[in-house]
């Protein structure tokens, strides 16, 4: 398990699945840019499966 997967799992343990998914998406975007710039060879976030979300899982917070 890599560091990214560990953080994703730690966030998920608190049942904050949308937050965990958002973390993964944002970090994936950063790694995609680094790959485009040839700073890295692959995106390590691609091996991690996001949580499946349903509409009732999403809540607005103010």
PDB file of N, CA and C in Angstrom:
ATOM      1  N   UNK A   1       0.859  -1.181   0.000  1.00  0.00           N
ATOM      2  CA  UNK A   1       0.000   0.000   0.000  1.00  0.00           C
ATOM      3  C   UNK A   1       0.901   1.238   0.000  1.00  0.00           C
ATOM      4  N   UNK A   2       0.596   2.152  -0.894  1.00  0.00           N
ATOM      5  CA  UNK A   2       1.402   3.370  -0.960  1.00  0.00           C
ATOM      6  C   UNK A   2       0.824   4.449  -0.037  1.00  0.00           C
ATOM      7  N   UNK A   3       1.539   5.540   0.099  1.00  0.00           N
ATOM      8  CA  UNK A   3       1.126   6.617   1.005  1.00  0.00           C
ATOM      9  C   UNK A   3      -0.219   7.220   0.613  1.00  0.00           C
ATOM     10  N   UNK A   4      -0.448   7.361  -0.683  1.00  0.00           N
ATOM     11  CA  UNK A   4      -1.708   7.945  -1.153  1.00  0.00           C
ATOM     12  C   UNK A   4      -2.879   7.054  -0.766  1.00  0.00           C
ATOM     13  N   UNK A   5      -2.713   5.759  -0.971  1.00  0.00           N
ATOM     14  CA  UNK A   5      -3.772   4.813  -0.611  1.00  0.00           C
ATOM     15  C   UNK A   5      -4.014   4.810   0.897  1.00  0.00           C
ATOM     16  N   UNK A   6      -2.953   4.964   1.681  1.00  0.00           N
ATOM     17  CA  UNK A   6      -3.092   5.005   3.139  1.00  0.00           C
ATOM     18  C   UNK A   6      -3.913   6.221   3.574  1.00  0.00           C
ATOM     19  N   UNK A   7      -3.626   7.381   3.004  1.00  0.00           N
ATOM     20  CA  UNK A   7      -4.384   8.591   3.337  1.00  0.00           C
ATOM     21  C   UNK A   7      -5.834   8.439   2.900  1.00  0.00           C
ATOM     22  N   UNK A   8      -6.052   7.899   1.692  1.00  0.00           N
ATOM     23  CA  UNK A   8      -7.403   7.654   1.186  1.00  0.00           C
ATOM     24  C   UNK A   8      -8.173   6.749   2.153  1.00  0.00           C
ATOM     25  N   UNK A   9      -7.531   5.691   2.620  1.00  0.00           N
ATOM     26  CA  UNK A   9      -8.175   4.769   3.561  1.00  0.00           C
ATOM     27  C   UNK A   9      -8.428   5.423   4.915  1.00  0.00           C
ATOM     28  N   UNK A  10      -7.509   6.257   5.375  1.00  0.00           N
ATOM     29  CA  UNK A  10      -7.699   6.952   6.652  1.00  0.00           C
ATOM     30  C   UNK A  10      -8.911   7.881   6.597  1.00  0.00           C
ATOM     31  N   UNK A  11      -9.059   8.596   5.496  1.00  0.00           N
ATOM     32  CA  UNK A  11     -10.228   9.474   5.328  1.00  0.00           C
ATOM     33  C   UNK A  11     -11.493   8.628   5.264  1.00  0.00           C
ATOM     34  N   UNK A  12     -11.410   7.497   4.576  1.00  0.00           N
ATOM     35  CA  UNK A  12     -12.571   6.619   4.410  1.00  0.00           C
ATOM     36  C   UNK A  12     -13.012   5.997   5.732  1.00  0.00           C
ATOM     37  N   UNK A  13     -12.078   5.741   6.631  1.00  0.00           N
ATOM     38  CA  UNK A  13     -12.415   5.143   7.926  1.00  0.00           C
ATOM     39  C   UNK A  13     -13.379   6.017   8.713  1.00  0.00           C
ATOM     40  N   UNK A  14     -13.335   7.308   8.468  1.00  0.00           N
ATOM     41  CA  UNK A  14     -14.239   8.243   9.145  1.00  0.00           C
ATOM     42  C   UNK A  14     -15.559   8.383   8.385  1.00  0.00           C
ATOM     43  N   UNK A  15     -15.780   7.496   7.408  1.00  0.00           N
ATOM     44  CA  UNK A  15     -16.980   7.484   6.571  1.00  0.00           C
ATOM     45  C   UNK A  15     -17.170   8.793   5.814  1.00  0.00           C
ATOM     46  N   UNK A  16     -16.081   9.399   5.440  1.00  0.00           N
ATOM     47  CA  UNK A  16     -16.110  10.626   4.636  1.00  0.00           C
ATOM     48  C   UNK A  16     -15.732  10.248   3.208  1.00  0.00           C
ATOM     49  N   UNK A  17     -16.632   9.477   2.584  1.00  0.00           N
ATOM     50  CA  UNK A  17     -16.338   8.901   1.276  1.00  0.00           C
ATOM     51  C   UNK A  17     -16.229   9.957   0.182  1.00  0.00           C
ATOM     52  N   UNK A  18     -17.083  10.965   0.213  1.00  0.00           N
ATOM     53  CA  UNK A  18     -17.019  12.028  -0.794  1.00  0.00           C
ATOM     54  C   UNK A  18     -15.710  12.803  -0.651  1.00  0.00           C
ATOM     55  N   UNK A  19     -15.287  13.048   0.579  1.00  0.00           N
ATOM     56  CA  UNK A  19     -14.021  13.744   0.823  1.00  0.00           C
ATOM     57  C   UNK A  19     -12.849  12.903   0.329  1.00  0.00           C
ATOM     58  N   UNK A  20     -12.900  11.600   0.587  1.00  0.00           N
ATOM     59  CA  UNK A  20     -11.840  10.703   0.126  1.00  0.00           C
ATOM     60  C   UNK A  20     -11.769  10.698  -1.399  1.00  0.00           C
ATOM     61  N   UNK A  21     -12.929  10.650  -2.054  1.00  0.00           N
ATOM     62  CA  UNK A  21     -12.955  10.681  -3.520  1.00  0.00           C
ATOM     63  C   UNK A  21     -12.412  11.999  -4.055  1.00  0.00           C
ATOM     64  N   UNK A  22     -12.799  13.095  -3.424  1.00  0.00           N
ATOM     65  CA  UNK A  22     -12.328  14.411  -3.857  1.00  0.00           C
ATOM     66  C   UNK A  22     -10.809  14.526  -3.693  1.00  0.00           C
ATOM     67  N   UNK A  23     -10.293  14.014  -2.595  1.00  0.00           N
ATOM     68  CA  UNK A  23      -8.842  13.970  -2.373  1.00  0.00           C
ATOM     69  C   UNK A  23      -8.161  13.234  -3.527  1.00  0.00           C
ATOM     70  N   UNK A  24      -8.716  12.082  -3.892  1.00  0.00           N
ATOM     71  CA  UNK A  24      -8.126  11.265  -4.944  1.00  0.00           C
ATOM     72  C   UNK A  24      -8.188  11.959  -6.304  1.00  0.00           C
ATOM     73  N   UNK A  25      -9.315  12.591  -6.604  1.00  0.00           N
ATOM     74  CA  UNK A  25      -9.474  13.291  -7.882  1.00  0.00           C
ATOM     75  C   UNK A  25      -8.509  14.470  -7.977  1.00  0.00           C
ATOM     76  N   UNK A  26      -8.438  15.268  -6.926  1.00  0.00           N
ATOM     77  CA  UNK A  26      -7.549  16.437  -6.946  1.00  0.00           C
ATOM     78  C   UNK A  26      -6.083  16.029  -7.057  1.00  0.00           C
ATOM     79  N   UNK A  27      -5.709  15.025  -6.298  1.00  0.00           N
ATOM     80  CA  UNK A  27      -4.325  14.561  -6.359  1.00  0.00           C
ATOM     81  C   UNK A  27      -4.026  13.941  -7.723  1.00  0.00           C
ATOM     82  N   UNK A  28      -5.001  13.235  -8.278  1.00  0.00           N
ATOM     83  CA  UNK A  28      -4.832  12.651  -9.608  1.00  0.00           C
ATOM     84  C   UNK A  28      -4.594  13.715 -10.665  1.00  0.00           C
ATOM     85  N   UNK A  29      -5.286  14.838 -10.545  1.00  0.00           N
ATOM     86  CA  UNK A  29      -5.098  15.951 -11.476  1.00  0.00           C
ATOM     87  C   UNK A  29      -3.668  16.487 -11.399  1.00  0.00           C
ATOM     88  N   UNK A  30      -3.163  16.603 -10.197  1.00  0.00           N
ATOM     89  CA  UNK A  30      -1.787  17.077 -10.003  1.00  0.00           C
ATOM     90  C   UNK A  30      -0.794  16.100 -10.631  1.00  0.00           C
ATOM     91  N   UNK A  31      -0.997  14.807 -10.391  1.00  0.00           N
ATOM     92  CA  UNK A  31      -0.092  13.809 -10.959  1.00  0.00           C
ATOM     93  C   UNK A  31      -0.192  13.746 -12.478  1.00  0.00           C
ATOM     94  N   UNK A  32      -1.386  13.948 -13.031  1.00  0.00           N
ATOM     95  CA  UNK A  32      -1.530  13.978 -14.492  1.00  0.00           C
ATOM     96  C   UNK A  32      -0.732  15.126 -15.099  1.00  0.00           C
ATOM     97  N   UNK A  33      -0.749  16.267 -14.441  1.00  0.00           N
ATOM     98  CA  UNK A  33       0.028  17.414 -14.923  1.00  0.00           C
ATOM     99  C   UNK A  33       1.526  17.108 -14.832  1.00  0.00           C
ATOM    100  N   UNK A  34       1.945  16.501 -13.733  1.00  0.00           N
ATOM    101  CA  UNK A  34       3.358  16.135 -13.577  1.00  0.00           C
ATOM    102  C   UNK A  34       3.778  15.126 -14.645  1.00  0.00           C
ATOM    103  N   UNK A  35       2.885  14.209 -14.988  1.00  0.00           N
ATOM    104  CA  UNK A  35       3.180  13.239 -16.049  1.00  0.00           C
ATOM    105  C   UNK A  35       3.289  13.942 -17.400  1.00  0.00           C
ATOM    106  N   UNK A  36       2.389  14.883 -17.651  1.00  0.00           N
ATOM    107  CA  UNK A  36       2.422  15.639 -18.907  1.00  0.00           C
ATOM    108  C   UNK A  36       3.735  16.406 -19.042  1.00  0.00           C
ATOM    109  N   UNK A  37       4.219  16.931 -17.931  1.00  0.00           N
ATOM    110  CA  UNK A  37       5.482  17.666 -17.924  1.00  0.00           C
ATOM    111  C   UNK A  37       6.693  16.735 -17.849  1.00  0.00           C
ATOM    112  N   UNK A  38       6.445  15.432 -17.870  1.00  0.00           N
ATOM    113  CA  UNK A  38       7.485  14.401 -17.834  1.00  0.00           C
ATOM    114  C   UNK A  38       8.311  14.429 -16.550  1.00  0.00           C
ATOM    115  N   UNK A  39       7.658  14.792 -15.460  1.00  0.00           N
ATOM    116  CA  UNK A  39       8.324  14.761 -14.154  1.00  0.00           C
ATOM    117  C   UNK A  39       8.205  13.382 -13.512  1.00  0.00           C
ATOM    118  N   UNK A  40       7.135  12.661 -13.875  1.00  0.00           N
ATOM    119  CA  UNK A  40       6.917  11.302 -13.387  1.00  0.00           C
ATOM    120  C   UNK A  40       6.484  10.439 -14.570  1.00  0.00           C
ATOM    121  N   UNK A  41       6.602   9.119 -14.415  1.00  0.00           N
ATOM    122  CA  UNK A  41       6.230   8.213 -15.501  1.00  0.00           C
ATOM    123  C   UNK A  41       4.775   7.771 -15.435  1.00  0.00           C
ATOM    124  N   UNK A  42       4.239   7.637 -14.233  1.00  0.00           N
ATOM    125  CA  UNK A  42       2.853   7.184 -14.123  1.00  0.00           C
ATOM    126  C   UNK A  42       2.146   7.877 -12.967  1.00  0.00           C
ATOM    127  N   UNK A  43       0.832   7.805 -13.008  1.00  0.00           N
ATOM    128  CA  UNK A  43      -0.012   8.427 -11.995  1.00  0.00           C
ATOM    129  C   UNK A  43      -0.373   7.372 -10.947  1.00  0.00           C
ATOM    130  N   UNK A  44       0.153   7.485  -9.732  1.00  0.00           N
ATOM    131  CA  UNK A  44      -0.102   6.460  -8.716  1.00  0.00           C
ATOM    132  C   UNK A  44      -1.545   6.424  -8.205  1.00  0.00           C
ATOM    133  N   UNK A  45      -2.333   7.436  -8.519  1.00  0.00           N
ATOM    134  CA  UNK A  45      -3.727   7.428  -8.055  1.00  0.00           C
ATOM    135  C   UNK A  45      -4.612   6.532  -8.912  1.00  0.00           C
ATOM    136  N   UNK A  46      -4.140   6.144 -10.088  1.00  0.00           N
ATOM    137  CA  UNK A  46      -4.968   5.353 -11.000  1.00  0.00           C
ATOM    138  C   UNK A  46      -5.209   3.929 -10.511  1.00  0.00           C
ATOM    139  N   UNK A  47      -4.405   3.456  -9.584  1.00  0.00           N
ATOM    140  CA  UNK A  47      -4.570   2.084  -9.083  1.00  0.00           C
ATOM    141  C   UNK A  47      -5.537   2.011  -7.902  1.00  0.00           C
ATOM    142  N   UNK A  48      -6.053   3.157  -7.465  1.00  0.00           N
ATOM    143  CA  UNK A  48      -6.961   3.207  -6.319  1.00  0.00           C
ATOM    144  C   UNK A  48      -8.380   3.411  -6.828  1.00  0.00           C
ATOM    145  N   UNK A  49      -9.286   2.537  -6.411  1.00  0.00           N
ATOM    146  CA  UNK A  49     -10.689   2.647  -6.809  1.00  0.00           C
ATOM    147  C   UNK A  49     -11.414   3.634  -5.906  1.00  0.00           C
ATOM    148  N   UNK A  50     -12.125   4.573  -6.538  1.00  0.00           N
ATOM    149  CA  UNK A  50     -12.924   5.526  -5.769  1.00  0.00           C
ATOM    150  C   UNK A  50     -14.151   4.820  -5.202  1.00  0.00           C
ATOM    151  N   UNK A  51     -14.733   5.415  -4.170  1.00  0.00           N
ATOM    152  CA  UNK A  51     -15.968   4.897  -3.593  1.00  0.00           C
ATOM    153  C   UNK A  51     -17.126   5.171  -4.536  1.00  0.00           C
ATOM    154  N   UNK A  52     -18.033   4.227  -4.621  1.00  0.00           N
ATOM    155  CA  UNK A  52     -19.248   4.451  -5.394  1.00  0.00           C
ATOM    156  C   UNK A  52     -20.183   5.301  -4.544  1.00  0.00           C
ATOM    157  N   UNK A  53     -20.689   6.373  -5.124  1.00  0.00           N
ATOM    158  CA  UNK A  53     -21.525   7.312  -4.381  1.00  0.00           C
ATOM    159  C   UNK A  53     -22.936   7.313  -4.958  1.00  0.00           C
ATOM    160  N   UNK A  54     -23.907   7.500  -4.072  1.00  0.00           N
ATOM    161  CA  UNK A  54     -25.293   7.675  -4.475  1.00  0.00           C
ATOM    162  C   UNK A  54     -25.730   9.052  -4.016  1.00  0.00           C
ATOM    163  N   UNK A  55     -26.797   9.545  -4.603  1.00  0.00           N
ATOM    164  CA  UNK A  55     -27.254  10.909  -4.309  1.00  0.00           C
ATOM    165  C   UNK A  55     -27.506  11.119  -2.821  1.00  0.00           C
ATOM    166  N   UNK A  56     -28.038  10.113  -2.133  1.00  0.00           N
ATOM    167  CA  UNK A  56     -28.336  10.298  -0.709  1.00  0.00           C
ATOM    168  C   UNK A  56     -27.076  10.269   0.157  1.00  0.00           C
ATOM    169  N   UNK A  57     -25.933   9.886  -0.421  1.00  0.00           N
ATOM    170  CA  UNK A  57     -24.666   9.923   0.312  1.00  0.00           C
ATOM    171  C   UNK A  57     -24.078  11.325   0.361  1.00  0.00           C
ATOM    172  N   UNK A  58     -24.490  12.157  -0.574  1.00  0.00           N
ATOM    173  CA  UNK A  58     -23.935  13.503  -0.672  1.00  0.00           C
ATOM    174  C   UNK A  58     -24.727  14.459   0.197  1.00  0.00           C
ATOM    175  N   UNK A  59     -24.030  15.245   0.976  1.00  0.00           N
ATOM    176  CA  UNK A  59     -24.672  16.216   1.854  1.00  0.00           C
ATOM    177  C   UNK A  59     -23.997  17.559   1.661  1.00  0.00           C
ATOM    178  N   UNK A  60     -24.794  18.595   1.762  1.00  0.00           N
ATOM    179  CA  UNK A  60     -24.224  19.934   1.711  1.00  0.00           C
ATOM    180  C   UNK A  60     -23.810  20.334   3.116  1.00  0.00           C
ATOM    181  N   UNK A  61     -22.660  20.963   3.215  1.00  0.00           N
ATOM    182  CA  UNK A  61     -22.228  21.457   4.518  1.00  0.00           C
ATOM    183  C   UNK A  61     -22.021  22.959   4.417  1.00  0.00           C
ATOM    184  N   UNK A  62     -22.393  23.636   5.445  1.00  0.00           N
ATOM    185  CA  UNK A  62     -22.285  25.097   5.470  1.00  0.00           C
ATOM    186  C   UNK A  62     -21.384  25.525   6.591  1.00  0.00           C
TER     187      UNK A  62
END
